[in-house]
Amino acid sequence: MLQQRYALITGASKGIGKQTAHLFAKNGANLLLVARDIDTLVSLRDELQEFSINVDIFSCDLTDENEIKSLFIKIKKVTKVIDIVVNNAGIIKSSMFSMTNSDTLKDMFQTNLYAPYILTQYATRMMRKSPYASVIFISSMMATKGGIGHSAYASSKSALDGMMKSLAKELAPTIRVNAIAPGVVQTDMIKTLSEDEKEEYTSKSLFKRLATPNDIATVILFLASDMSKYITAELINVDGGIC
């Protein structure tokens, strides 16, 4: 499905990013995996050795534009064209609105908006010659639904959605741009939720369970592949019907 295409995945060391890497590998994509922790990326590369693909790993702090610039200098030594970008890296910090300080707000926007914005600027310069170019952002149901204690996070993801729709118009018809809005996914990020909150979201899901990383990764695969070649500027909810 993705044979010989080069896919860049951020936040690739765990959760949705790691599962996406496995799914892309099974479908023949060459991988450019980015995360802060190089040791976890080394382990992931070892896991992917069974597939006949190229796997290159890069440690990068995406909140530092100089590191992003260095990242793409390294990537250009591996490939001249990128076909797929999955902007998966993100953070969530819970705090009530009245208690949210400027540092928390800055951290949230720096990671969830500025980092994918700048990374995509660099990446799209390498995507224009690809006949399969697809950029995918990972948003959140919080962007439209909101949540108590999540005003900063929801704001950063809402801004990401607006950026996605604007980029889709600017980059068409050469590059498709879409986003996925997961519900609550069983990853390390839900450590910020209380057990009561987890139970609440489970009960609201029409499937009566939380999402798995694979539930999200399969939709990412769809948006990265030719199966969605006439889809752009779309935000797809993958939340079990919560919204």
C-alpha atoms as a PDB file:
ATOM      1  CA  MET A   1       0.000   0.000   0.000  1.00  0.00           C
ATOM      2  CA  LEU A   2       2.903   2.372   0.780  1.00  0.00           C
ATOM      3  CA  GLN A   3       5.689   0.551  -1.039  1.00  0.00           C
ATOM      4  CA  GLN A   4       8.898   2.571  -1.438  1.00  0.00           C
ATOM      5  CA  ARG A   5       7.363   5.755  -0.024  1.00  0.00           C
ATOM      6  CA  TYR A   6       9.232   7.712   2.627  1.00  0.00           C
ATOM      7  CA  ALA A   7       7.206   8.508   5.721  1.00  0.00           C
ATOM      8  CA  LEU A   8       8.288  10.910   8.449  1.00  0.00           C
ATOM      9  CA  ILE A   9       6.655  10.220  11.826  1.00  0.00           C
ATOM     10  CA  THR A  10       7.175  12.436  14.873  1.00  0.00           C
ATOM     11  CA  GLY A  11       6.629  11.173  18.394  1.00  0.00           C
ATOM     12  CA  ALA A  12       7.465   7.758  16.947  1.00  0.00           C
ATOM     13  CA  SER A  13       8.912   6.128  20.061  1.00  0.00           C
ATOM     14  CA  LYS A  14       5.628   5.142  21.734  1.00  0.00           C
ATOM     15  CA  GLY A  15       1.847   5.122  21.590  1.00  0.00           C
ATOM     16  CA  ILE A  16       0.166   6.146  18.354  1.00  0.00           C
ATOM     17  CA  GLY A  17       3.479   7.008  16.674  1.00  0.00           C
ATOM     18  CA  LYS A  18       5.005   3.620  17.397  1.00  0.00           C
ATOM     19  CA  GLN A  19       1.922   1.738  16.234  1.00  0.00           C
ATOM     20  CA  THR A  20       1.830   3.837  13.067  1.00  0.00           C
ATOM     21  CA  ALA A  21       5.467   2.973  12.385  1.00  0.00           C
ATOM     22  CA  HIS A  22       4.652  -0.740  12.652  1.00  0.00           C
ATOM     23  CA  LEU A  23       1.611  -0.426  10.399  1.00  0.00           C
ATOM     24  CA  PHE A  24       3.487   1.628   7.802  1.00  0.00           C
ATOM     25  CA  ALA A  25       6.356  -0.878   7.849  1.00  0.00           C
ATOM     26  CA  LYS A  26       3.954  -3.759   7.220  1.00  0.00           C
ATOM     27  CA  ASN A  27       2.698  -1.837   4.199  1.00  0.00           C
ATOM     28  CA  GLY A  28       6.140  -1.230   2.696  1.00  0.00           C
ATOM     29  CA  ALA A  29       6.969   2.361   3.685  1.00  0.00           C
ATOM     30  CA  ASN A  30      10.518   3.486   4.379  1.00  0.00           C
ATOM     31  CA  LEU A  31      10.549   5.208   7.746  1.00  0.00           C
ATOM     32  CA  LEU A  32      12.056   8.411   9.099  1.00  0.00           C
ATOM     33  CA  LEU A  33      11.328   8.157  12.820  1.00  0.00           C
ATOM     34  CA  VAL A  34      11.694  11.165  15.111  1.00  0.00           C
ATOM     35  CA  ALA A  35      11.547  11.422  18.911  1.00  0.00           C
ATOM     36  CA  ARG A  36      13.584  12.875  21.765  1.00  0.00           C
ATOM     37  CA  ASP A  37      14.620   9.532  23.245  1.00  0.00           C
ATOM     38  CA  ILE A  38      17.101   7.869  20.898  1.00  0.00           C
ATOM     39  CA  ASP A  39      17.232   4.670  22.958  1.00  0.00           C
ATOM     40  CA  THR A  40      13.549   3.940  22.407  1.00  0.00           C
ATOM     41  CA  LEU A  41      13.994   4.645  18.705  1.00  0.00           C
ATOM     42  CA  VAL A  42      16.874   2.164  18.551  1.00  0.00           C
ATOM     43  CA  SER A  43      14.618  -0.471  20.128  1.00  0.00           C
ATOM     44  CA  LEU A  44      11.855   0.324  17.655  1.00  0.00           C
ATOM     45  CA  ARG A  45      14.253   0.074  14.723  1.00  0.00           C
ATOM     46  CA  ASP A  46      15.261  -3.377  15.969  1.00  0.00           C
ATOM     47  CA  GLU A  47      11.598  -4.407  16.132  1.00  0.00           C
ATOM     48  CA  LEU A  48      11.120  -3.358  12.509  1.00  0.00           C
ATOM     49  CA  GLN A  49      14.041  -5.367  11.128  1.00  0.00           C
ATOM     50  CA  GLU A  50      11.698  -8.141   9.975  1.00  0.00           C
ATOM     51  CA  PHE A  51      10.361  -5.857   7.256  1.00  0.00           C
ATOM     52  CA  SER A  52      12.269  -5.201   4.025  1.00  0.00           C
ATOM     53  CA  ILE A  53      12.340  -1.432   4.436  1.00  0.00           C
ATOM     54  CA  ASN A  54      14.745   1.335   5.384  1.00  0.00           C
ATOM     55  CA  VAL A  55      14.394   2.663   8.926  1.00  0.00           C
ATOM     56  CA  ASP A  56      16.289   5.805   9.886  1.00  0.00           C
ATOM     57  CA  ILE A  57      16.003   7.283  13.357  1.00  0.00           C
ATOM     58  CA  PHE A  58      16.590  10.838  14.544  1.00  0.00           C
ATOM     59  CA  SER A  59      16.661  12.380  18.000  1.00  0.00           C
ATOM     60  CA  CYS A  60      15.179  15.872  17.900  1.00  0.00           C
ATOM     61  CA  ASP A  61      13.652  18.413  20.253  1.00  0.00           C
ATOM     62  CA  LEU A  62      10.876  19.724  18.017  1.00  0.00           C
ATOM     63  CA  THR A  63      10.428  22.830  20.155  1.00  0.00           C
ATOM     64  CA  ASP A  64      13.853  24.029  18.981  1.00  0.00           C
ATOM     65  CA  GLU A  65      13.797  25.327  15.401  1.00  0.00           C
ATOM     66  CA  ASN A  66      17.570  24.903  15.073  1.00  0.00           C
ATOM     67  CA  GLU A  67      17.171  21.211  15.851  1.00  0.00           C
ATOM     68  CA  ILE A  68      14.418  20.923  13.239  1.00  0.00           C
ATOM     69  CA  LYS A  69      16.716  22.541  10.698  1.00  0.00           C
ATOM     70  CA  SER A  70      19.491  20.074  11.600  1.00  0.00           C
ATOM     71  CA  LEU A  71      16.989  17.226  11.377  1.00  0.00           C
ATOM     72  CA  PHE A  72      16.218  17.983   7.751  1.00  0.00           C
ATOM     73  CA  ILE A  73      19.881  18.323   6.862  1.00  0.00           C
ATOM     74  CA  LYS A  74      20.254  14.737   8.109  1.00  0.00           C
ATOM     75  CA  ILE A  75      17.101  13.558   6.342  1.00  0.00           C
ATOM     76  CA  LYS A  76      18.315  14.943   3.000  1.00  0.00           C
ATOM     77  CA  LYS A  77      21.293  12.607   3.259  1.00  0.00           C
ATOM     78  CA  VAL A  78      18.833   9.697   3.329  1.00  0.00           C
ATOM     79  CA  THR A  79      16.242  10.812   0.750  1.00  0.00           C
ATOM     80  CA  LYS A  80      15.549  13.788  -1.481  1.00  0.00           C
ATOM     81  CA  VAL A  81      11.773  13.313  -1.368  1.00  0.00           C
ATOM     82  CA  ILE A  82       9.355  12.834   1.515  1.00  0.00           C
ATOM     83  CA  ASP A  83       5.948  11.366   0.645  1.00  0.00           C
ATOM     84  CA  ILE A  84       4.160  11.302   3.995  1.00  0.00           C
ATOM     85  CA  VAL A  85       4.395  13.354   7.180  1.00  0.00           C
ATOM     86  CA  VAL A  86       2.621  12.309  10.377  1.00  0.00           C
ATOM     87  CA  ASN A  87       2.719  15.129  12.919  1.00  0.00           C
ATOM     88  CA  ASN A  88       2.034  12.971  15.949  1.00  0.00           C
ATOM     89  CA  ALA A  89       4.236  14.467  18.689  1.00  0.00           C
ATOM     90  CA  GLY A  90       2.274  16.368  21.309  1.00  0.00           C
ATOM     91  CA  ILE A  91       1.845  17.004  25.016  1.00  0.00           C
ATOM     92  CA  ILE A  92      -1.055  17.505  27.398  1.00  0.00           C
ATOM     93  CA  LYS A  93      -0.964  19.228  30.758  1.00  0.00           C
ATOM     94  CA  SER A  94      -4.134  19.416  32.795  1.00  0.00           C
ATOM     95  CA  SER A  95      -4.924  22.472  34.919  1.00  0.00           C
ATOM     96  CA  MET A  96      -7.974  24.541  35.671  1.00  0.00           C
ATOM     97  CA  PHE A  97      -8.205  27.786  33.708  1.00  0.00           C
ATOM     98  CA  SER A  98      -7.641  30.003  36.755  1.00  0.00           C
ATOM     99  CA  MET A  99      -4.528  28.016  37.684  1.00  0.00           C
ATOM    100  CA  THR A 100      -2.926  27.787  34.227  1.00  0.00           C
ATOM    101  CA  ASN A 101       0.241  29.868  34.139  1.00  0.00           C
ATOM    102  CA  SER A 102       1.917  31.361  31.078  1.00  0.00           C
ATOM    103  CA  ASP A 103       4.686  28.727  31.068  1.00  0.00           C
ATOM    104  CA  THR A 104       2.153  25.912  30.760  1.00  0.00           C
ATOM    105  CA  LEU A 105       0.341  27.764  27.986  1.00  0.00           C
ATOM    106  CA  LYS A 106       3.590  28.433  26.113  1.00  0.00           C
ATOM    107  CA  ASP A 107       4.727  24.797  26.442  1.00  0.00           C
ATOM    108  CA  MET A 108       1.427  23.533  25.081  1.00  0.00           C
ATOM    109  CA  PHE A 109       1.435  25.823  22.056  1.00  0.00           C
ATOM    110  CA  GLN A 110       5.156  25.361  21.433  1.00  0.00           C
ATOM    111  CA  THR A 111       4.799  21.585  21.171  1.00  0.00           C
ATOM    112  CA  ASN A 112       1.296  21.186  19.784  1.00  0.00           C
ATOM    113  CA  LEU A 113       1.222  24.065  17.285  1.00  0.00           C
ATOM    114  CA  TYR A 114       4.538  25.800  16.625  1.00  0.00           C
ATOM    115  CA  ALA A 115       6.562  22.576  16.314  1.00  0.00           C
ATOM    116  CA  PRO A 116       4.321  20.893  13.701  1.00  0.00           C
ATOM    117  CA  TYR A 117       3.929  24.220  11.901  1.00  0.00           C
ATOM    118  CA  ILE A 118       7.686  24.681  11.484  1.00  0.00           C
ATOM    119  CA  LEU A 119       8.416  21.012  10.814  1.00  0.00           C
ATOM    120  CA  THR A 120       5.778  20.962   8.088  1.00  0.00           C
ATOM    121  CA  GLN A 121       7.312  24.075   6.510  1.00  0.00           C
ATOM    122  CA  TYR A 122      10.581  22.200   6.101  1.00  0.00           C
ATOM    123  CA  ALA A 123       8.952  18.912   5.118  1.00  0.00           C
ATOM    124  CA  THR A 124       6.696  20.283   2.377  1.00  0.00           C
ATOM    125  CA  ARG A 125       9.730  21.619   0.547  1.00  0.00           C
ATOM    126  CA  MET A 126      10.725  17.956   0.123  1.00  0.00           C
ATOM    127  CA  MET A 127       7.207  16.792  -0.746  1.00  0.00           C
ATOM    128  CA  ARG A 128       6.405  18.840  -3.830  1.00  0.00           C
ATOM    129  CA  LYS A 129       7.944  16.280  -6.209  1.00  0.00           C
ATOM    130  CA  SER A 130       6.063  13.386  -4.648  1.00  0.00           C
ATOM    131  CA  PRO A 131       2.939  12.139  -6.450  1.00  0.00           C
ATOM    132  CA  TYR A 132       1.717  10.738  -3.115  1.00  0.00           C
ATOM    133  CA  ALA A 133       2.271  13.726  -0.828  1.00  0.00           C
ATOM    134  CA  SER A 134       0.131  13.602   2.312  1.00  0.00           C
ATOM    135  CA  VAL A 135       0.456  15.546   5.566  1.00  0.00           C
ATOM    136  CA  ILE A 136      -1.447  14.278   8.594  1.00  0.00           C
ATOM    137  CA  PHE A 137      -1.880  16.124  11.877  1.00  0.00           C
ATOM    138  CA  ILE A 138      -3.004  14.512  15.115  1.00  0.00           C
ATOM    139  CA  SER A 139      -5.541  16.797  16.732  1.00  0.00           C
ATOM    140  CA  SER A 140      -7.942  15.860  19.534  1.00  0.00           C
ATOM    141  CA  MET A 141     -11.652  15.680  20.249  1.00  0.00           C
ATOM    142  CA  MET A 142     -10.873  18.330  22.880  1.00  0.00           C
ATOM    143  CA  ALA A 143     -10.401  20.852  20.053  1.00  0.00           C
ATOM    144  CA  THR A 144     -14.140  20.894  19.382  1.00  0.00           C
ATOM    145  CA  LYS A 145     -15.613  19.338  22.519  1.00  0.00           C
ATOM    146  CA  GLY A 146     -13.435  21.055  25.112  1.00  0.00           C
ATOM    147  CA  GLY A 147     -12.913  19.683  28.589  1.00  0.00           C
ATOM    148  CA  ILE A 148     -12.720  20.822  32.183  1.00  0.00           C
ATOM    149  CA  GLY A 149      -9.077  21.422  33.061  1.00  0.00           C
ATOM    150  CA  HIS A 150      -8.000  21.292  29.421  1.00  0.00           C
ATOM    151  CA  SER A 151      -8.450  24.860  28.149  1.00  0.00           C
ATOM    152  CA  ALA A 152      -4.776  25.246  27.145  1.00  0.00           C
ATOM    153  CA  TYR A 153      -4.599  21.857  25.435  1.00  0.00           C
ATOM    154  CA  ALA A 154      -7.919  22.332  23.641  1.00  0.00           C
ATOM    155  CA  SER A 155      -6.845  25.791  22.469  1.00  0.00           C
ATOM    156  CA  SER A 156      -3.586  24.489  21.002  1.00  0.00           C
ATOM    157  CA  LYS A 157      -5.387  21.700  19.132  1.00  0.00           C
ATOM    158  CA  SER A 158      -8.115  24.049  17.870  1.00  0.00           C
ATOM    159  CA  ALA A 159      -5.388  26.256  16.420  1.00  0.00           C
ATOM    160  CA  LEU A 160      -3.851  23.170  14.798  1.00  0.00           C
ATOM    161  CA  ASP A 161      -7.172  22.389  13.093  1.00  0.00           C
ATOM    162  CA  GLY A 162      -7.337  25.892  11.650  1.00  0.00           C
ATOM    163  CA  MET A 163      -3.789  25.598  10.393  1.00  0.00           C
ATOM    164  CA  MET A 164      -4.589  22.267   8.735  1.00  0.00           C
ATOM    165  CA  LYS A 165      -7.539  23.652   6.784  1.00  0.00           C
ATOM    166  CA  SER A 166      -5.543  26.665   5.636  1.00  0.00           C
ATOM    167  CA  LEU A 167      -2.559  24.547   4.563  1.00  0.00           C
ATOM    168  CA  ALA A 168      -4.828  22.218   2.599  1.00  0.00           C
ATOM    169  CA  LYS A 169      -5.933  25.179   0.493  1.00  0.00           C
ATOM    170  CA  GLU A 170      -2.435  26.611   0.097  1.00  0.00           C
ATOM    171  CA  LEU A 171      -0.744  23.339  -0.823  1.00  0.00           C
ATOM    172  CA  ALA A 172      -3.408  21.893  -3.139  1.00  0.00           C
ATOM    173  CA  PRO A 173      -3.365  20.174  -5.509  1.00  0.00           C
ATOM    174  CA  THR A 174       0.190  18.944  -4.926  1.00  0.00           C
ATOM    175  CA  ILE A 175      -0.024  18.024  -1.245  1.00  0.00           C
ATOM    176  CA  ARG A 176      -3.034  16.709   0.645  1.00  0.00           C
ATOM    177  CA  VAL A 177      -3.451  17.870   4.263  1.00  0.00           C
ATOM    178  CA  ASN A 178      -5.790  16.278   6.801  1.00  0.00           C
ATOM    179  CA  ALA A 179      -6.128  15.737  10.526  1.00  0.00           C
ATOM    180  CA  ILE A 180      -7.414  13.090  12.905  1.00  0.00           C
ATOM    181  CA  ALA A 181      -9.150  13.912  16.175  1.00  0.00           C
ATOM    182  CA  PRO A 182      -8.773  10.916  18.500  1.00  0.00           C
ATOM    183  CA  GLY A 183     -10.873  10.436  21.576  1.00  0.00           C
ATOM    184  CA  VAL A 184      -9.210   9.085  24.708  1.00  0.00           C
ATOM    185  CA  VAL A 185      -6.496   6.636  23.643  1.00  0.00           C
ATOM    186  CA  GLN A 186      -4.767   4.058  25.815  1.00  0.00           C
ATOM    187  CA  THR A 187      -1.316   5.681  25.810  1.00  0.00           C
ATOM    188  CA  ASP A 188       0.937   7.347  28.378  1.00  0.00           C
ATOM    189  CA  MET A 189      -0.898  10.624  27.785  1.00  0.00           C
ATOM    190  CA  ILE A 190      -3.973   9.465  29.721  1.00  0.00           C
ATOM    191  CA  LYS A 191      -1.918   9.354  32.901  1.00  0.00           C
ATOM    192  CA  THR A 192      -3.133  12.925  33.376  1.00  0.00           C
ATOM    193  CA  LEU A 193      -6.723  11.679  33.618  1.00  0.00           C
ATOM    194  CA  SER A 194      -8.285  10.459  36.838  1.00  0.00           C
ATOM    195  CA  GLU A 195      -9.936   7.047  37.014  1.00  0.00           C
ATOM    196  CA  ASP A 196     -13.314   8.790  37.159  1.00  0.00           C
ATOM    197  CA  GLU A 197     -12.513  10.659  33.946  1.00  0.00           C
ATOM    198  CA  LYS A 198     -11.447   7.443  32.207  1.00  0.00           C
ATOM    199  CA  GLU A 199     -14.666   5.752  33.289  1.00  0.00           C
ATOM    200  CA  GLU A 200     -16.680   8.733  32.090  1.00  0.00           C
ATOM    201  CA  TYR A 201     -15.137   8.639  28.603  1.00  0.00           C
ATOM    202  CA  THR A 202     -15.495   4.856  28.460  1.00  0.00           C
ATOM    203  CA  SER A 203     -19.199   5.127  29.256  1.00  0.00           C
ATOM    204  CA  LYS A 204     -19.693   7.865  26.629  1.00  0.00           C
ATOM    205  CA  SER A 205     -18.039   5.787  23.904  1.00  0.00           C
ATOM    206  CA  LEU A 206     -20.594   3.933  21.811  1.00  0.00           C
ATOM    207  CA  PHE A 207     -18.207   0.967  21.929  1.00  0.00           C
ATOM    208  CA  LYS A 208     -17.876   1.197  25.744  1.00  0.00           C
ATOM    209  CA  ARG A 209     -14.090   1.202  25.622  1.00  0.00           C
ATOM    210  CA  LEU A 210     -11.202   3.591  25.140  1.00  0.00           C
ATOM    211  CA  ALA A 211      -9.399   3.718  21.800  1.00  0.00           C
ATOM    212  CA  THR A 212      -6.250   1.711  21.179  1.00  0.00           C
ATOM    213  CA  PRO A 213      -3.243   3.149  19.319  1.00  0.00           C
ATOM    214  CA  ASN A 214      -4.108   0.814  16.444  1.00  0.00           C
ATOM    215  CA  ASP A 215      -7.577   2.344  16.144  1.00  0.00           C
ATOM    216  CA  ILE A 216      -5.885   5.640  15.327  1.00  0.00           C
ATOM    217  CA  ALA A 217      -2.991   4.223  13.292  1.00  0.00           C
ATOM    218  CA  THR A 218      -5.310   2.489  10.821  1.00  0.00           C
ATOM    219  CA  VAL A 219      -6.972   5.821  10.000  1.00  0.00           C
ATOM    220  CA  ILE A 220      -3.539   7.425   9.623  1.00  0.00           C
ATOM    221  CA  LEU A 221      -2.680   4.658   7.149  1.00  0.00           C
ATOM    222  CA  PHE A 222      -5.877   5.410   5.233  1.00  0.00           C
ATOM    223  CA  LEU A 223      -5.030   9.122   4.966  1.00  0.00           C
ATOM    224  CA  ALA A 224      -1.446   8.333   3.948  1.00  0.00           C
ATOM    225  CA  SER A 225      -2.490   5.931   1.185  1.00  0.00           C
ATOM    226  CA  ASP A 226      -4.096   6.255  -2.234  1.00  0.00           C
ATOM    227  CA  MET A 227      -7.397   5.112  -0.694  1.00  0.00           C
ATOM    228  CA  SER A 228      -7.909   8.735   0.363  1.00  0.00           C
ATOM    229  CA  LYS A 229      -6.420  10.453  -2.677  1.00  0.00           C
ATOM    230  CA  TYR A 230      -9.489  12.716  -3.135  1.00  0.00           C
ATOM    231  CA  ILE A 231      -9.647  13.730   0.527  1.00  0.00           C
ATOM    232  CA  THR A 232      -8.055  16.923   1.829  1.00  0.00           C
ATOM    233  CA  ALA A 233      -8.867  19.607   4.439  1.00  0.00           C
ATOM    234  CA  GLU A 234     -10.766  17.042   6.499  1.00  0.00           C
ATOM    235  CA  LEU A 235     -10.801  16.511  10.264  1.00  0.00           C
ATOM    236  CA  ILE A 236     -11.768  12.904  10.977  1.00  0.00           C
ATOM    237  CA  ASN A 237     -13.092  12.097  14.446  1.00  0.00           C
ATOM    238  CA  VAL A 238     -11.883   8.731  15.751  1.00  0.00           C
ATOM    239  CA  ASP A 239     -13.516   8.868  19.172  1.00  0.00           C
ATOM    240  CA  GLY A 240     -15.956   5.980  19.337  1.00  0.00           C
ATOM    241  CA  GLY A 241     -18.867   8.365  18.809  1.00  0.00           C
ATOM    242  CA  ILE A 242     -18.182  10.475  21.907  1.00  0.00           C
ATOM    243  CA  CYS A 243     -18.514  13.733  19.951  1.00  0.00           C
END
